[in-house]
Amino acid sequence: MLDSGSSRELPVNASSVLLFDQAMRLQLIRTEIVRAAQELNRLKDQDLAELGINRNDIDDVIERYI
């Protein structure tokens, strides 16, 4: 017979909590990276060149993190 409350009594592994926390932080960082890349993508090619950024690199970053 199954105990309905047994799943609540399982101990939480500390490493699982840390991994989950890291995953959430990485997700936030990914969102910020995409947002920054999209903002840079609005610049003219000449402005990007002055910053030393290639538009293809911006597109690659957006593709990778979406």
PDB file of N, CA and C in Angstrom:
ATOM      1  N   MET A   1       0.845  -1.172   0.000  1.00  0.00           N
ATOM      2  CA  MET A   1       0.000   0.000   0.000  1.00  0.00           C
ATOM      3  C   MET A   1       0.894   1.239   0.000  1.00  0.00           C
ATOM      4  N   LEU A   2       0.531   2.223  -0.774  1.00  0.00           N
ATOM      5  CA  LEU A   2       1.317   3.444  -0.882  1.00  0.00           C
ATOM      6  C   LEU A   2       0.902   4.453   0.164  1.00  0.00           C
ATOM      7  N   ASP A   3       1.879   5.097   0.712  1.00  0.00           N
ATOM      8  CA  ASP A   3       1.617   6.148   1.694  1.00  0.00           C
ATOM      9  C   ASP A   3       1.579   7.479   0.957  1.00  0.00           C
ATOM     10  N   SER A   4       0.486   8.205   1.034  1.00  0.00           N
ATOM     11  CA  SER A   4       0.329   9.448   0.275  1.00  0.00           C
ATOM     12  C   SER A   4       1.269  10.555   0.731  1.00  0.00           C
ATOM     13  N   GLY A   5       1.759  10.499   1.946  1.00  0.00           N
ATOM     14  CA  GLY A   5       2.639  11.544   2.449  1.00  0.00           C
ATOM     15  C   GLY A   5       4.113  11.205   2.334  1.00  0.00           C
ATOM     16  N   SER A   6       4.446  10.053   1.798  1.00  0.00           N
ATOM     17  CA  SER A   6       5.836   9.614   1.774  1.00  0.00           C
ATOM     18  C   SER A   6       6.733  10.485   0.908  1.00  0.00           C
ATOM     19  N   SER A   7       6.216  11.051  -0.175  1.00  0.00           N
ATOM     20  CA  SER A   7       7.053  11.869  -1.047  1.00  0.00           C
ATOM     21  C   SER A   7       7.479  13.162  -0.355  1.00  0.00           C
ATOM     22  N   ARG A   8       6.731  13.648   0.579  1.00  0.00           N
ATOM     23  CA  ARG A   8       7.050  14.860   1.328  1.00  0.00           C
ATOM     24  C   ARG A   8       8.185  14.627   2.315  1.00  0.00           C
ATOM     25  N   GLU A   9       8.367  13.367   2.712  1.00  0.00           N
ATOM     26  CA  GLU A   9       9.336  13.061   3.745  1.00  0.00           C
ATOM     27  C   GLU A   9      10.724  12.746   3.181  1.00  0.00           C
ATOM     28  N   LEU A  10      10.879  12.751   1.860  1.00  0.00           N
ATOM     29  CA  LEU A  10      12.180  12.472   1.271  1.00  0.00           C
ATOM     30  C   LEU A  10      13.122  13.634   1.562  1.00  0.00           C
ATOM     31  N   PRO A  11      14.346  13.334   2.002  1.00  0.00           N
ATOM     32  CA  PRO A  11      15.289  14.415   2.272  1.00  0.00           C
ATOM     33  C   PRO A  11      15.738  15.075   0.964  1.00  0.00           C
ATOM     34  N   VAL A  12      15.986  16.368   1.028  1.00  0.00           N
ATOM     35  CA  VAL A  12      16.452  17.113  -0.142  1.00  0.00           C
ATOM     36  C   VAL A  12      17.964  17.091  -0.133  1.00  0.00           C
ATOM     37  N   ASN A  13      18.521  16.659  -1.225  1.00  0.00           N
ATOM     38  CA  ASN A  13      19.965  16.598  -1.378  1.00  0.00           C
ATOM     39  C   ASN A  13      20.490  18.023  -1.583  1.00  0.00           C
ATOM     40  N   ALA A  14      21.468  18.430  -0.787  1.00  0.00           N
ATOM     41  CA  ALA A  14      22.010  19.793  -0.869  1.00  0.00           C
ATOM     42  C   ALA A  14      22.611  20.070  -2.241  1.00  0.00           C
ATOM     43  N   SER A  15      23.252  19.082  -2.835  1.00  0.00           N
ATOM     44  CA  SER A  15      23.842  19.306  -4.152  1.00  0.00           C
ATOM     45  C   SER A  15      22.767  19.531  -5.204  1.00  0.00           C
ATOM     46  N   SER A  16      21.611  18.914  -5.042  1.00  0.00           N
ATOM     47  CA  SER A  16      20.499  19.142  -5.969  1.00  0.00           C
ATOM     48  C   SER A  16      20.015  20.583  -5.880  1.00  0.00           C
ATOM     49  N   VAL A  17      19.940  21.097  -4.685  1.00  0.00           N
ATOM     50  CA  VAL A  17      19.520  22.491  -4.488  1.00  0.00           C
ATOM     51  C   VAL A  17      20.538  23.437  -5.116  1.00  0.00           C
ATOM     52  N   LEU A  18      21.816  23.163  -4.922  1.00  0.00           N
ATOM     53  CA  LEU A  18      22.866  24.009  -5.503  1.00  0.00           C
ATOM     54  C   LEU A  18      22.840  23.951  -7.025  1.00  0.00           C
ATOM     55  N   LEU A  19      22.652  22.766  -7.577  1.00  0.00           N
ATOM     56  CA  LEU A  19      22.576  22.640  -9.034  1.00  0.00           C
ATOM     57  C   LEU A  19      21.384  23.390  -9.593  1.00  0.00           C
ATOM     58  N   PHE A  20      20.253  23.302  -8.911  1.00  0.00           N
ATOM     59  CA  PHE A  20      19.069  24.027  -9.357  1.00  0.00           C
ATOM     60  C   PHE A  20      19.317  25.537  -9.306  1.00  0.00           C
ATOM     61  N   ASP A  21      19.953  26.011  -8.238  1.00  0.00           N
ATOM     62  CA  ASP A  21      20.269  27.428  -8.105  1.00  0.00           C
ATOM     63  C   ASP A  21      21.187  27.888  -9.233  1.00  0.00           C
ATOM     64  N   GLN A  22      22.191  27.085  -9.550  1.00  0.00           N
ATOM     65  CA  GLN A  22      23.101  27.436 -10.639  1.00  0.00           C
ATOM     66  C   GLN A  22      22.372  27.475 -11.971  1.00  0.00           C
ATOM     67  N   ALA A  23      21.484  26.528 -12.195  1.00  0.00           N
ATOM     68  CA  ALA A  23      20.723  26.499 -13.445  1.00  0.00           C
ATOM     69  C   ALA A  23      19.865  27.749 -13.590  1.00  0.00           C
ATOM     70  N   MET A  24      19.253  28.172 -12.518  1.00  0.00           N
ATOM     71  CA  MET A  24      18.426  29.378 -12.569  1.00  0.00           C
ATOM     72  C   MET A  24      19.279  30.615 -12.846  1.00  0.00           C
ATOM     73  N   ARG A  25      20.453  30.678 -12.251  1.00  0.00           N
ATOM     74  CA  ARG A  25      21.360  31.806 -12.509  1.00  0.00           C
ATOM     75  C   ARG A  25      21.826  31.803 -13.961  1.00  0.00           C
ATOM     76  N   LEU A  26      22.153  30.618 -14.487  1.00  0.00           N
ATOM     77  CA  LEU A  26      22.572  30.521 -15.876  1.00  0.00           C
ATOM     78  C   LEU A  26      21.459  30.955 -16.814  1.00  0.00           C
ATOM     79  N   GLN A  27      20.237  30.603 -16.500  1.00  0.00           N
ATOM     80  CA  GLN A  27      19.108  31.018 -17.326  1.00  0.00           C
ATOM     81  C   GLN A  27      18.989  32.540 -17.345  1.00  0.00           C
ATOM     82  N   LEU A  28      19.184  33.167 -16.206  1.00  0.00           N
ATOM     83  CA  LEU A  28      19.136  34.622 -16.132  1.00  0.00           C
ATOM     84  C   LEU A  28      20.261  35.234 -16.962  1.00  0.00           C
ATOM     85  N   ILE A  29      21.450  34.665 -16.862  1.00  0.00           N
ATOM     86  CA  ILE A  29      22.584  35.163 -17.633  1.00  0.00           C
ATOM     87  C   ILE A  29      22.317  35.005 -19.122  1.00  0.00           C
ATOM     88  N   ARG A  30      21.769  33.871 -19.528  1.00  0.00           N
ATOM     89  CA  ARG A  30      21.453  33.655 -20.943  1.00  0.00           C
ATOM     90  C   ARG A  30      20.495  34.729 -21.451  1.00  0.00           C
ATOM     91  N   THR A  31      19.492  35.042 -20.669  1.00  0.00           N
ATOM     92  CA  THR A  31      18.526  36.068 -21.058  1.00  0.00           C
ATOM     93  C   THR A  31      19.208  37.414 -21.242  1.00  0.00           C
ATOM     94  N   GLU A  32      20.106  37.751 -20.319  1.00  0.00           N
ATOM     95  CA  GLU A  32      20.823  39.022 -20.402  1.00  0.00           C
ATOM     96  C   GLU A  32      21.762  39.057 -21.610  1.00  0.00           C
ATOM     97  N   ILE A  33      22.401  37.935 -21.926  1.00  0.00           N
ATOM     98  CA  ILE A  33      23.293  37.857 -23.084  1.00  0.00           C
ATOM     99  C   ILE A  33      22.510  38.105 -24.365  1.00  0.00           C
ATOM    100  N   VAL A  34      21.371  37.460 -24.493  1.00  0.00           N
ATOM    101  CA  VAL A  34      20.547  37.633 -25.692  1.00  0.00           C
ATOM    102  C   VAL A  34      20.063  39.075 -25.798  1.00  0.00           C
ATOM    103  N   ARG A  35      19.636  39.643 -24.692  1.00  0.00           N
ATOM    104  CA  ARG A  35      19.158  41.027 -24.693  1.00  0.00           C
ATOM    105  C   ARG A  35      20.270  41.989 -25.132  1.00  0.00           C
ATOM    106  N   ALA A  36      21.479  41.789 -24.615  1.00  0.00           N
ATOM    107  CA  ALA A  36      22.611  42.642 -24.986  1.00  0.00           C
ATOM    108  C   ALA A  36      22.965  42.460 -26.459  1.00  0.00           C
ATOM    109  N   ALA A  37      22.960  41.220 -26.937  1.00  0.00           N
ATOM    110  CA  ALA A  37      23.271  40.963 -28.342  1.00  0.00           C
ATOM    111  C   ALA A  37      22.229  41.600 -29.259  1.00  0.00           C
ATOM    112  N   GLN A  38      20.970  41.517 -28.883  1.00  0.00           N
ATOM    113  CA  GLN A  38      19.922  42.140 -29.687  1.00  0.00           C
ATOM    114  C   GLN A  38      20.084  43.656 -29.726  1.00  0.00           C
ATOM    115  N   GLU A  39      20.492  44.236 -28.606  1.00  0.00           N
ATOM    116  CA  GLU A  39      20.712  45.677 -28.571  1.00  0.00           C
ATOM    117  C   GLU A  39      21.887  46.060 -29.477  1.00  0.00           C
ATOM    118  N   LEU A  40      22.971  45.297 -29.406  1.00  0.00           N
ATOM    119  CA  LEU A  40      24.116  45.563 -30.275  1.00  0.00           C
ATOM    120  C   LEU A  40      23.759  45.358 -31.745  1.00  0.00           C
ATOM    121  N   ASN A  41      22.877  44.427 -32.009  1.00  0.00           N
ATOM    122  CA  ASN A  41      22.490  44.124 -33.388  1.00  0.00           C
ATOM    123  C   ASN A  41      21.766  45.296 -34.044  1.00  0.00           C
ATOM    124  N   ARG A  42      21.249  46.216 -33.247  1.00  0.00           N
ATOM    125  CA  ARG A  42      20.562  47.397 -33.786  1.00  0.00           C
ATOM    126  C   ARG A  42      21.540  48.461 -34.297  1.00  0.00           C
ATOM    127  N   LEU A  43      22.814  48.338 -33.922  1.00  0.00           N
ATOM    128  CA  LEU A  43      23.812  49.319 -34.351  1.00  0.00           C
ATOM    129  C   LEU A  43      24.165  49.133 -35.820  1.00  0.00           C
ATOM    130  N   LYS A  44      24.664  50.203 -36.426  1.00  0.00           N
ATOM    131  CA  LYS A  44      25.136  50.144 -37.807  1.00  0.00           C
ATOM    132  C   LYS A  44      26.435  49.349 -37.847  1.00  0.00           C
ATOM    133  N   ASP A  45      26.723  48.778 -39.017  1.00  0.00           N
ATOM    134  CA  ASP A  45      27.948  47.994 -39.180  1.00  0.00           C
ATOM    135  C   ASP A  45      29.192  48.809 -38.829  1.00  0.00           C
ATOM    136  N   GLN A  46      29.207  50.086 -39.183  1.00  0.00           N
ATOM    137  CA  GLN A  46      30.360  50.937 -38.893  1.00  0.00           C
ATOM    138  C   GLN A  46      30.542  51.099 -37.383  1.00  0.00           C
ATOM    139  N   ASP A  47      29.440  51.281 -36.668  1.00  0.00           N
ATOM    140  CA  ASP A  47      29.513  51.410 -35.208  1.00  0.00           C
ATOM    141  C   ASP A  47      30.030  50.117 -34.575  1.00  0.00           C
ATOM    142  N   LEU A  48      29.560  48.991 -35.091  1.00  0.00           N
ATOM    143  CA  LEU A  48      30.034  47.708 -34.574  1.00  0.00           C
ATOM    144  C   LEU A  48      31.525  47.534 -34.840  1.00  0.00           C
ATOM    145  N   ALA A  49      31.955  47.932 -36.047  1.00  0.00           N
ATOM    146  CA  ALA A  49      33.371  47.812 -36.403  1.00  0.00           C
ATOM    147  C   ALA A  49      34.230  48.653 -35.469  1.00  0.00           C
ATOM    148  N   GLU A  50      33.751  49.828 -35.106  1.00  0.00           N
ATOM    149  CA  GLU A  50      34.494  50.687 -34.176  1.00  0.00           C
ATOM    150  C   GLU A  50      34.622  50.035 -32.798  1.00  0.00           C
ATOM    151  N   LEU A  51      33.646  49.221 -32.446  1.00  0.00           N
ATOM    152  CA  LEU A  51      33.687  48.500 -31.179  1.00  0.00           C
ATOM    153  C   LEU A  51      34.466  47.191 -31.288  1.00  0.00           C
ATOM    154  N   GLY A  52      34.837  46.824 -32.520  1.00  0.00           N
ATOM    155  CA  GLY A  52      35.559  45.576 -32.735  1.00  0.00           C
ATOM    156  C   GLY A  52      34.660  44.356 -32.703  1.00  0.00           C
ATOM    157  N   ILE A  53      33.405  44.551 -33.076  1.00  0.00           N
ATOM    158  CA  ILE A  53      32.425  43.463 -33.044  1.00  0.00           C
ATOM    159  C   ILE A  53      31.958  43.161 -34.462  1.00  0.00           C
ATOM    160  N   ASN A  54      31.907  41.895 -34.789  1.00  0.00           N
ATOM    161  CA  ASN A  54      31.431  41.438 -36.081  1.00  0.00           C
ATOM    162  C   ASN A  54      29.954  41.066 -35.950  1.00  0.00           C
ATOM    163  N   ARG A  55      29.140  41.525 -36.887  1.00  0.00           N
ATOM    164  CA  ARG A  55      27.700  41.233 -36.822  1.00  0.00           C
ATOM    165  C   ARG A  55      27.430  39.732 -36.836  1.00  0.00           C
ATOM    166  N   ASN A  56      28.238  38.964 -37.558  1.00  0.00           N
ATOM    167  CA  ASN A  56      28.055  37.511 -37.583  1.00  0.00           C
ATOM    168  C   ASN A  56      28.231  36.916 -36.188  1.00  0.00           C
ATOM    169  N   ASP A  57      29.150  37.473 -35.405  1.00  0.00           N
ATOM    170  CA  ASP A  57      29.339  36.998 -34.033  1.00  0.00           C
ATOM    171  C   ASP A  57      28.103  37.262 -33.188  1.00  0.00           C
ATOM    172  N   ILE A  58      27.489  38.411 -33.395  1.00  0.00           N
ATOM    173  CA  ILE A  58      26.262  38.744 -32.674  1.00  0.00           C
ATOM    174  C   ILE A  58      25.166  37.751 -33.033  1.00  0.00           C
ATOM    175  N   ASP A  59      25.013  37.493 -34.313  1.00  0.00           N
ATOM    176  CA  ASP A  59      23.992  36.543 -34.766  1.00  0.00           C
ATOM    177  C   ASP A  59      24.247  35.156 -34.192  1.00  0.00           C
ATOM    178  N   ASP A  60      25.512  34.745 -34.151  1.00  0.00           N
ATOM    179  CA  ASP A  60      25.867  33.431 -33.587  1.00  0.00           C
ATOM    180  C   ASP A  60      25.511  33.348 -32.111  1.00  0.00           C
ATOM    181  N   VAL A  61      25.781  34.432 -31.376  1.00  0.00           N
ATOM    182  CA  VAL A  61      25.467  34.448 -29.948  1.00  0.00           C
ATOM    183  C   VAL A  61      23.957  34.352 -29.717  1.00  0.00           C
ATOM    184  N   ILE A  62      23.202  35.114 -30.488  1.00  0.00           N
ATOM    185  CA  ILE A  62      21.749  35.076 -30.352  1.00  0.00           C
ATOM    186  C   ILE A  62      21.237  33.676 -30.660  1.00  0.00           C
ATOM    187  N   GLU A  63      21.735  33.078 -31.720  1.00  0.00           N
ATOM    188  CA  GLU A  63      21.326  31.720 -32.111  1.00  0.00           C
ATOM    189  C   GLU A  63      21.673  30.709 -31.032  1.00  0.00           C
ATOM    190  N   ARG A  64      22.859  30.835 -30.457  1.00  0.00           N
ATOM    191  CA  ARG A  64      23.336  29.867 -29.454  1.00  0.00           C
ATOM    192  C   ARG A  64      22.518  29.924 -28.187  1.00  0.00           C
ATOM    193  N   TYR A  65      22.121  31.126 -27.764  1.00  0.00           N
ATOM    194  CA  TYR A  65      21.490  31.263 -26.451  1.00  0.00           C
ATOM    195  C   TYR A  65      19.972  31.310 -26.480  1.00  0.00           C
ATOM    196  N   ILE A  66      19.384  31.275 -27.660  1.00  0.00           N
ATOM    197  CA  ILE A  66      17.910  31.264 -27.720  1.00  0.00           C
ATOM    198  C   ILE A  66      17.405  29.854 -27.620  1.00  0.00           C
TER     199      ILE A  66
END
